[in-house]
């Protein structure tokens, strides 16, 4: 069994990151100065991770699973 999607996502990578960022800013406030975002499409949707830009700082950022068809947040986790 493969973990790759065969159908094209309705939600594109930029939109998935935007959905995650909009939700995460309610908790983290401004993410743009301290975090960078990455996203990967898997069989279960977009995996969006925010990581600290400064590797010397302890902690982590929010993680999201975004449905690739509807844009709904399926799961989220906050690391601080």
Protein backbone atom coordinates (compact mmCIF):
# COMPACT_ATOMS: atom_id res chain seq x y z
CA UNK A 1 0.00 0.00 0.00
CA UNK A 2 1.36 3.42 -0.91
CA UNK A 3 1.00 6.69 0.94
CA UNK A 4 0.67 8.77 -2.24
CA UNK A 5 -2.55 10.40 -3.40
CA UNK A 6 -3.81 9.66 -6.87
CA UNK A 7 -6.44 12.41 -7.04
CA UNK A 8 -5.53 16.07 -7.37
CA UNK A 9 -6.16 18.13 -4.26
CA UNK A 10 -8.81 20.82 -4.44
CA UNK A 11 -6.83 22.76 -1.83
CA UNK A 12 -3.41 23.85 -3.07
CA UNK A 13 -0.30 24.05 -0.89
CA UNK A 14 -0.47 27.84 -0.37
CA UNK A 15 -4.10 27.63 0.76
CA UNK A 16 -3.34 24.74 3.15
CA UNK A 17 -0.59 26.80 4.78
CA UNK A 18 -2.88 29.83 4.96
CA UNK A 19 -5.63 27.79 6.68
CA UNK A 20 -3.14 26.47 9.23
CA UNK A 21 -1.55 29.91 9.76
CA UNK A 22 -4.93 31.61 10.30
CA UNK A 23 -5.85 29.07 12.98
CA UNK A 24 -2.42 28.97 14.64
CA UNK A 25 -2.22 32.76 14.96
CA UNK A 26 -5.08 32.58 17.46
CA UNK A 27 -2.65 30.84 19.83
CA UNK A 28 0.81 31.89 18.62
CA UNK A 29 -0.08 35.39 17.42
CA UNK A 30 2.36 36.43 14.67
CA UNK A 31 4.12 33.42 13.13
CA UNK A 32 5.89 35.26 10.31
CA UNK A 33 8.86 36.56 12.29
CA UNK A 34 9.81 33.42 14.25
CA UNK A 35 8.56 30.46 12.18
CA UNK A 36 8.71 29.15 8.66
CA UNK A 37 6.05 26.86 7.23
CA UNK A 38 6.39 23.70 5.21
CA UNK A 39 3.72 21.40 3.82
CA UNK A 40 3.62 17.97 2.26
CA UNK A 41 0.71 16.20 0.62
CA UNK A 42 0.08 12.64 1.81
CA UNK A 43 -2.77 10.17 1.43
CA UNK A 44 -4.59 11.68 4.41
CA UNK A 45 -4.19 15.35 3.39
CA UNK A 46 -1.79 18.25 3.76
CA UNK A 47 0.69 17.99 6.64
CA UNK A 48 1.60 21.57 7.57
CA UNK A 49 4.44 22.18 10.04
CA UNK A 50 5.66 25.47 11.46
CA UNK A 51 9.28 25.34 12.61
CA UNK A 52 11.35 27.89 14.46
CA UNK A 53 13.73 29.85 12.25
CA UNK A 54 16.33 30.09 15.02
CA UNK A 55 17.61 26.56 15.66
CA UNK A 56 19.23 27.70 18.93
CA UNK A 57 15.81 28.37 20.50
CA UNK A 58 14.11 25.51 22.32
CA UNK A 59 10.54 24.68 21.43
CA UNK A 60 8.49 24.00 18.39
CA UNK A 61 5.58 25.27 16.43
CA UNK A 62 2.13 24.14 15.48
CA UNK A 63 1.44 21.11 13.28
CA UNK A 64 -1.72 20.65 11.20
CA UNK A 65 -3.40 18.03 9.08
CA UNK A 66 -5.60 19.75 6.50
CA UNK A 67 -8.10 17.86 4.33
CA UNK A 68 -6.87 18.28 0.75
CA UNK A 69 -10.37 18.37 -0.72
CA UNK A 70 -12.38 20.47 1.75
CA UNK A 71 -9.70 22.48 3.56
CA UNK A 72 -11.05 21.36 6.94
CA UNK A 73 -8.62 21.03 9.83
CA UNK A 74 -8.54 17.30 10.63
CA UNK A 75 -5.96 17.48 13.41
CA UNK A 76 -3.66 19.98 15.07
CA UNK A 77 -0.94 19.90 17.68
CA UNK A 78 0.86 22.72 19.45
CA UNK A 79 4.45 22.41 20.65
CA UNK A 80 6.06 25.08 22.78
